[in-house]
Every structure is written in structure tokens, then in C-alpha cells.
């Protein structure tokens, strides 16, 4: 995570208006983590749909609220596409955030810690 990125105008260039509003409404100390969660969820959803970053990130809208699981809210051009996907945020290591996008809702994530 690079906290300074959230304070620059990067969200205004890549996020939807409602995502920018939600991000900027958070206390300043919560914005860097929320920015990274927005970004990784949007990127995971775009990649899971097979479009990768050829799809502009402002065409995918996610909900990332503190203490609430993220949700895919809207995909431009497809009214029911967002309902097909589940999102999951996690911290793979200190200082990093990641997201997983999975088609469907009947799944359970299992993870193992292979560090010695």
C-alpha cells in the first residue's frame, strides 16, 4: 500500500463519482486503505470477467465500506452482471491488500499460512 496515492487525484480519474464521494467522506486516516480496497476489488472483478484492465475501472462500481463485505454494484452495459459476482478483501501480508472476485455466492474461502 502506498497511502499517498489515495490523497492524490487518482481516485477522481479512475473511480465512479459515487465511489469518489464514498472514499472522500471517510476520515482522512481511513482513505488509504479504502482506496486500495476499491482498486483491488475493481481490478479483481475486471480480471475475473475476462476483460482485465481493458475495461475502464470507472465502468465497474464497487461498495467498500469499513467493516462491511465489498459488493459489486454496477457494471456498465449489463444490468444484471453485478449480481453474479462475489468480492472478498483480504490482507495477504502486512502493508498489502488483495481482493478476490468469484462468480456466484455459494462458496467458502479457505486459506493456509505456509510460513515457517
N, C-alpha and C. Protein backbone atom coordinates (compact mmCIF):
# COMPACT_ATOMS: atom_id res chain seq x y z
N UNK A 1 0.85 -1.18 0.00
CA UNK A 1 0.00 0.00 0.00
C UNK A 1 0.89 1.23 0.00
N UNK A 2 0.46 2.20 -0.77
CA UNK A 2 1.14 3.48 -0.79
C UNK A 2 0.12 4.54 -0.42
N UNK A 3 0.04 4.92 0.85
CA UNK A 3 -1.02 5.81 1.34
C UNK A 3 -1.12 7.14 0.60
N UNK A 4 -0.02 7.65 0.09
CA UNK A 4 -0.06 8.96 -0.58
C UNK A 4 -0.91 8.95 -1.85
N UNK A 5 -1.08 7.78 -2.47
CA UNK A 5 -1.86 7.70 -3.71
C UNK A 5 -3.31 8.07 -3.47
N UNK A 6 -3.86 7.65 -2.35
CA UNK A 6 -5.26 7.96 -2.05
C UNK A 6 -5.49 9.46 -1.90
N UNK A 7 -4.47 10.18 -1.52
CA UNK A 7 -4.62 11.61 -1.30
C UNK A 7 -4.40 12.42 -2.58
N UNK A 8 -3.85 11.79 -3.59
CA UNK A 8 -3.71 12.45 -4.87
C UNK A 8 -5.05 12.35 -5.59
N UNK A 9 -5.12 12.77 -6.80
CA UNK A 9 -6.39 12.77 -7.54
C UNK A 9 -6.58 11.52 -8.39
N UNK A 10 -5.88 10.45 -8.06
CA UNK A 10 -6.02 9.21 -8.81
C UNK A 10 -7.44 8.66 -8.72
N UNK A 11 -8.08 8.64 -7.53
CA UNK A 11 -9.46 8.14 -7.49
C UNK A 11 -10.40 8.93 -8.41
N UNK A 12 -10.21 10.21 -8.51
CA UNK A 12 -11.07 11.04 -9.35
C UNK A 12 -10.94 10.70 -10.83
N UNK A 13 -9.83 10.11 -11.22
CA UNK A 13 -9.61 9.73 -12.62
C UNK A 13 -10.09 8.32 -12.95
N UNK A 14 -10.13 7.43 -11.95
CA UNK A 14 -10.39 6.02 -12.23
C UNK A 14 -11.65 5.46 -11.57
N UNK A 15 -12.24 6.18 -10.64
CA UNK A 15 -13.40 5.68 -9.91
C UNK A 15 -14.66 6.40 -10.37
N UNK A 16 -15.81 5.79 -10.10
CA UNK A 16 -17.08 6.46 -10.40
C UNK A 16 -17.27 7.62 -9.43
N UNK A 17 -18.17 8.51 -9.76
CA UNK A 17 -18.46 9.65 -8.87
C UNK A 17 -18.89 9.20 -7.49
N UNK A 18 -19.76 8.17 -7.43
CA UNK A 18 -20.24 7.72 -6.12
C UNK A 18 -19.12 7.06 -5.31
N UNK A 19 -18.20 6.37 -5.98
CA UNK A 19 -17.07 5.79 -5.26
C UNK A 19 -16.16 6.87 -4.71
N UNK A 20 -15.90 7.90 -5.50
CA UNK A 20 -15.07 9.01 -5.03
C UNK A 20 -15.74 9.69 -3.84
N UNK A 21 -17.05 9.90 -3.93
CA UNK A 21 -17.78 10.52 -2.82
C UNK A 21 -17.68 9.67 -1.55
N UNK A 22 -17.85 8.36 -1.70
CA UNK A 22 -17.77 7.47 -0.54
C UNK A 22 -16.37 7.48 0.05
N UNK A 23 -15.36 7.47 -0.81
CA UNK A 23 -13.97 7.50 -0.34
C UNK A 23 -13.67 8.80 0.39
N UNK A 24 -14.02 9.92 -0.22
CA UNK A 24 -13.70 11.22 0.37
C UNK A 24 -14.54 11.53 1.62
N UNK A 25 -15.64 10.81 1.83
CA UNK A 25 -16.46 11.01 3.03
C UNK A 25 -15.85 10.33 4.25
N UNK A 26 -14.91 9.42 4.02
CA UNK A 26 -14.26 8.73 5.13
C UNK A 26 -13.26 9.65 5.83
N UNK A 27 -12.98 9.40 7.09
CA UNK A 27 -11.91 10.15 7.76
C UNK A 27 -10.60 10.00 6.99
N UNK A 28 -9.77 11.01 7.02
CA UNK A 28 -8.53 11.01 6.24
C UNK A 28 -7.66 9.79 6.52
N UNK A 29 -7.60 9.34 7.76
CA UNK A 29 -6.74 8.21 8.08
C UNK A 29 -7.29 6.88 7.56
N UNK A 30 -8.55 6.81 7.15
CA UNK A 30 -9.14 5.59 6.60
C UNK A 30 -9.10 5.55 5.07
N UNK A 31 -8.83 6.68 4.44
CA UNK A 31 -8.87 6.75 2.98
C UNK A 31 -7.81 5.91 2.27
N UNK A 32 -6.57 5.82 2.76
CA UNK A 32 -5.59 5.00 2.03
C UNK A 32 -6.00 3.52 1.94
N UNK A 33 -6.44 2.93 3.04
CA UNK A 33 -6.87 1.53 3.00
C UNK A 33 -8.10 1.37 2.10
N UNK A 34 -9.07 2.26 2.24
CA UNK A 34 -10.28 2.18 1.42
C UNK A 34 -9.94 2.32 -0.06
N UNK A 35 -9.04 3.23 -0.40
CA UNK A 35 -8.61 3.38 -1.80
C UNK A 35 -8.07 2.05 -2.34
N UNK A 36 -7.17 1.42 -1.58
CA UNK A 36 -6.58 0.17 -2.03
C UNK A 36 -7.63 -0.93 -2.14
N UNK A 37 -8.60 -0.93 -1.24
CA UNK A 37 -9.66 -1.92 -1.31
C UNK A 37 -10.55 -1.67 -2.53
N UNK A 38 -10.91 -0.42 -2.80
CA UNK A 38 -11.67 -0.10 -4.01
C UNK A 38 -10.91 -0.61 -5.24
N UNK A 39 -9.65 -0.21 -5.34
CA UNK A 39 -8.86 -0.52 -6.52
C UNK A 39 -8.73 -2.03 -6.72
N UNK A 40 -8.37 -2.76 -5.68
CA UNK A 40 -8.16 -4.19 -5.84
C UNK A 40 -9.47 -4.93 -6.15
N UNK A 41 -10.58 -4.48 -5.57
CA UNK A 41 -11.88 -5.10 -5.89
C UNK A 41 -12.26 -4.85 -7.34
N UNK A 42 -12.06 -3.63 -7.81
CA UNK A 42 -12.40 -3.29 -9.19
C UNK A 42 -11.52 -4.09 -10.16
N UNK A 43 -10.24 -4.16 -9.86
CA UNK A 43 -9.32 -4.90 -10.72
C UNK A 43 -9.63 -6.39 -10.70
N UNK A 44 -9.93 -6.96 -9.54
CA UNK A 44 -10.28 -8.38 -9.44
C UNK A 44 -11.54 -8.68 -10.25
N UNK A 45 -12.54 -7.81 -10.16
CA UNK A 45 -13.79 -8.02 -10.90
C UNK A 45 -13.54 -7.95 -12.41
N UNK A 46 -12.77 -6.98 -12.85
CA UNK A 46 -12.48 -6.85 -14.28
C UNK A 46 -11.72 -8.06 -14.80
N UNK A 47 -10.76 -8.55 -14.03
CA UNK A 47 -9.97 -9.70 -14.45
C UNK A 47 -10.81 -10.98 -14.42
N UNK A 48 -11.64 -11.13 -13.39
CA UNK A 48 -12.48 -12.33 -13.29
C UNK A 48 -13.47 -12.41 -14.45
N UNK A 49 -13.92 -11.27 -14.94
CA UNK A 49 -14.85 -11.23 -16.07
C UNK A 49 -14.13 -11.43 -17.40
N UNK A 50 -12.80 -11.54 -17.37
CA UNK A 50 -12.04 -11.80 -18.58
C UNK A 50 -11.67 -10.55 -19.36
N UNK A 51 -11.94 -9.38 -18.80
CA UNK A 51 -11.65 -8.14 -19.51
C UNK A 51 -10.36 -7.49 -19.06
N UNK A 52 -9.90 -7.82 -17.88
CA UNK A 52 -8.70 -7.20 -17.36
C UNK A 52 -8.83 -5.70 -17.34
N UNK A 53 -7.73 -5.04 -17.47
CA UNK A 53 -7.76 -3.58 -17.41
C UNK A 53 -8.06 -2.93 -18.75
N UNK A 54 -8.53 -3.73 -19.74
CA UNK A 54 -9.03 -3.12 -20.96
C UNK A 54 -10.37 -2.44 -20.68
N UNK A 55 -11.05 -2.89 -19.62
CA UNK A 55 -12.28 -2.25 -19.17
C UNK A 55 -11.91 -1.11 -18.24
N UNK A 56 -12.34 0.07 -18.56
CA UNK A 56 -12.05 1.23 -17.72
C UNK A 56 -12.61 1.00 -16.32
N UNK A 57 -11.81 1.26 -15.30
CA UNK A 57 -12.23 0.98 -13.94
C UNK A 57 -13.44 1.79 -13.48
N UNK A 58 -13.75 2.88 -14.14
CA UNK A 58 -14.96 3.62 -13.75
C UNK A 58 -16.22 2.97 -14.31
N UNK A 59 -16.07 1.90 -15.10
CA UNK A 59 -17.23 1.15 -15.62
C UNK A 59 -17.65 0.03 -14.67
N UNK A 60 -16.85 -0.18 -13.63
CA UNK A 60 -17.17 -1.14 -12.58
C UNK A 60 -17.30 -0.35 -11.29
N UNK A 61 -18.42 -0.52 -10.62
CA UNK A 61 -18.64 0.21 -9.38
C UNK A 61 -18.77 -0.78 -8.23
N UNK A 62 -17.98 -0.55 -7.18
CA UNK A 62 -18.00 -1.42 -6.02
C UNK A 62 -18.35 -0.63 -4.77
N UNK A 63 -18.82 -1.36 -3.79
CA UNK A 63 -19.10 -0.78 -2.49
C UNK A 63 -18.03 -1.28 -1.53
N UNK A 64 -17.29 -0.38 -0.95
CA UNK A 64 -16.28 -0.75 0.04
C UNK A 64 -16.50 0.16 1.23
N UNK A 65 -17.10 -0.40 2.25
CA UNK A 65 -17.37 0.35 3.48
C UNK A 65 -16.66 -0.35 4.62
N UNK A 66 -16.13 0.42 5.57
CA UNK A 66 -15.45 -0.22 6.70
C UNK A 66 -16.36 -1.23 7.39
N UNK A 67 -15.79 -2.38 7.72
CA UNK A 67 -16.49 -3.44 8.46
C UNK A 67 -17.68 -4.04 7.72
N UNK A 68 -17.73 -3.90 6.40
CA UNK A 68 -18.80 -4.46 5.58
C UNK A 68 -18.16 -5.18 4.39
N UNK A 69 -18.60 -6.40 4.07
CA UNK A 69 -18.03 -7.07 2.90
C UNK A 69 -18.25 -6.24 1.63
N UNK A 70 -17.26 -6.21 0.74
CA UNK A 70 -17.44 -5.44 -0.50
C UNK A 70 -18.48 -6.11 -1.41
N UNK A 71 -19.09 -5.28 -2.26
CA UNK A 71 -20.09 -5.78 -3.22
C UNK A 71 -19.84 -5.12 -4.56
N UNK A 72 -20.06 -5.89 -5.61
CA UNK A 72 -20.06 -5.33 -6.95
C UNK A 72 -21.44 -4.73 -7.17
N UNK A 73 -21.50 -3.42 -7.40
CA UNK A 73 -22.78 -2.72 -7.51
C UNK A 73 -23.26 -2.55 -8.94
N UNK A 74 -22.31 -2.32 -9.86
CA UNK A 74 -22.72 -2.00 -11.23
C UNK A 74 -21.59 -2.30 -12.19
N UNK A 75 -21.97 -2.83 -13.35
CA UNK A 75 -21.04 -2.99 -14.47
C UNK A 75 -21.71 -2.31 -15.66
N UNK A 76 -21.08 -1.29 -16.18
CA UNK A 76 -21.66 -0.54 -17.29
C UNK A 76 -21.96 -1.48 -18.46
N UNK A 77 -23.17 -1.36 -18.98
CA UNK A 77 -23.56 -2.13 -20.15
C UNK A 77 -24.24 -3.45 -19.85
N UNK A 78 -24.37 -3.80 -18.57
CA UNK A 78 -25.01 -5.07 -18.21
C UNK A 78 -25.76 -4.90 -16.90
N UNK A 79 -27.07 -4.81 -16.99
CA UNK A 79 -27.89 -4.53 -15.82
C UNK A 79 -27.79 -5.58 -14.73
N UNK A 80 -27.69 -6.86 -15.08
CA UNK A 80 -27.70 -7.90 -14.06
C UNK A 80 -26.33 -8.53 -13.79
N UNK A 81 -25.29 -8.02 -14.42
CA UNK A 81 -23.95 -8.59 -14.26
C UNK A 81 -23.44 -8.50 -12.83
N UNK A 82 -23.67 -7.41 -12.14
CA UNK A 82 -23.13 -7.22 -10.80
C UNK A 82 -23.64 -8.27 -9.82
N UNK A 83 -24.86 -8.70 -9.97
CA UNK A 83 -25.46 -9.67 -9.04
C UNK A 83 -24.82 -11.06 -9.16
N UNK A 84 -24.11 -11.32 -10.23
CA UNK A 84 -23.50 -12.65 -10.45
C UNK A 84 -22.22 -12.87 -9.65
N UNK A 85 -21.62 -11.80 -9.12
CA UNK A 85 -20.28 -11.88 -8.56
C UNK A 85 -20.23 -11.62 -7.07
N UNK A 86 -19.28 -12.26 -6.41
CA UNK A 86 -18.95 -12.01 -5.01
C UNK A 86 -17.54 -11.43 -4.94
N UNK A 87 -17.32 -10.54 -4.01
CA UNK A 87 -16.00 -9.95 -3.79
C UNK A 87 -15.54 -10.24 -2.37
N UNK A 88 -14.24 -10.36 -2.20
CA UNK A 88 -13.67 -10.61 -0.89
C UNK A 88 -12.36 -9.85 -0.79
N UNK A 89 -12.20 -9.02 0.26
CA UNK A 89 -10.95 -8.31 0.54
C UNK A 89 -10.16 -9.09 1.56
N UNK A 90 -8.84 -9.06 1.43
CA UNK A 90 -8.01 -9.67 2.47
C UNK A 90 -6.63 -9.02 2.48
N UNK A 91 -5.90 -9.28 3.55
CA UNK A 91 -4.55 -8.76 3.73
C UNK A 91 -3.60 -9.95 3.63
N UNK A 92 -2.90 -10.11 2.49
CA UNK A 92 -2.02 -11.26 2.34
C UNK A 92 -0.74 -11.17 3.16
N UNK A 93 -0.33 -9.95 3.48
CA UNK A 93 0.85 -9.69 4.29
C UNK A 93 0.76 -8.26 4.79
N UNK A 94 1.42 -7.94 5.88
CA UNK A 94 1.37 -6.56 6.38
C UNK A 94 1.79 -5.56 5.29
N UNK A 95 0.99 -4.51 5.13
CA UNK A 95 1.29 -3.49 4.14
C UNK A 95 0.73 -3.76 2.76
N UNK A 96 -0.01 -4.86 2.59
CA UNK A 96 -0.58 -5.23 1.31
C UNK A 96 -2.08 -5.49 1.46
N UNK A 97 -2.82 -5.24 0.41
CA UNK A 97 -4.23 -5.63 0.35
C UNK A 97 -4.45 -6.37 -0.96
N UNK A 98 -5.44 -7.25 -0.95
CA UNK A 98 -5.76 -8.01 -2.15
C UNK A 98 -7.27 -8.22 -2.18
N UNK A 99 -7.77 -8.63 -3.33
CA UNK A 99 -9.19 -8.90 -3.47
C UNK A 99 -9.37 -10.10 -4.37
N UNK A 100 -10.46 -10.79 -4.13
CA UNK A 100 -10.83 -11.96 -4.91
C UNK A 100 -12.23 -11.73 -5.44
N UNK A 101 -12.44 -11.96 -6.71
CA UNK A 101 -13.77 -11.90 -7.33
C UNK A 101 -14.11 -13.31 -7.79
N UNK A 102 -15.29 -13.78 -7.39
CA UNK A 102 -15.73 -15.13 -7.71
C UNK A 102 -17.14 -15.06 -8.28
N UNK A 103 -17.37 -15.77 -9.37
CA UNK A 103 -18.72 -15.83 -9.91
C UNK A 103 -19.56 -16.72 -9.01
N UNK A 104 -20.70 -16.20 -8.57
CA UNK A 104 -21.58 -16.93 -7.68
C UNK A 104 -21.45 -16.47 -6.24
N UNK A 105 -22.26 -17.08 -5.40
CA UNK A 105 -22.30 -16.67 -3.99
C UNK A 105 -22.20 -17.85 -3.03
N UNK A 106 -22.27 -19.06 -3.54
CA UNK A 106 -22.24 -20.25 -2.69
C UNK A 106 -20.84 -20.84 -2.65
N UNK A 107 -19.92 -20.10 -2.07
CA UNK A 107 -18.56 -20.58 -1.97
C UNK A 107 -17.99 -20.18 -0.62
N UNK A 108 -16.96 -20.87 -0.22
CA UNK A 108 -16.30 -20.57 1.05
C UNK A 108 -14.80 -20.51 0.80
N UNK A 109 -14.18 -19.46 1.24
CA UNK A 109 -12.75 -19.28 1.06
C UNK A 109 -11.99 -20.01 2.17
N UNK A 110 -11.00 -20.76 1.79
CA UNK A 110 -10.11 -21.42 2.75
C UNK A 110 -8.68 -20.99 2.41
N UNK A 111 -7.91 -20.71 3.42
CA UNK A 111 -6.54 -20.27 3.21
C UNK A 111 -5.62 -20.92 4.24
N UNK A 112 -4.39 -21.13 3.86
CA UNK A 112 -3.42 -21.70 4.75
C UNK A 112 -2.23 -20.76 4.84
N UNK A 113 -1.60 -20.73 5.97
CA UNK A 113 -0.39 -19.94 6.18
C UNK A 113 0.79 -20.87 6.08
N UNK A 114 1.58 -20.75 5.01
CA UNK A 114 2.68 -21.65 4.76
C UNK A 114 4.01 -21.13 5.30
N UNK A 115 3.96 -20.04 6.06
CA UNK A 115 5.21 -19.51 6.61
C UNK A 115 5.69 -20.41 7.76
N UNK A 116 6.95 -20.45 7.94
CA UNK A 116 7.54 -21.31 8.99
C UNK A 116 7.78 -20.53 10.20
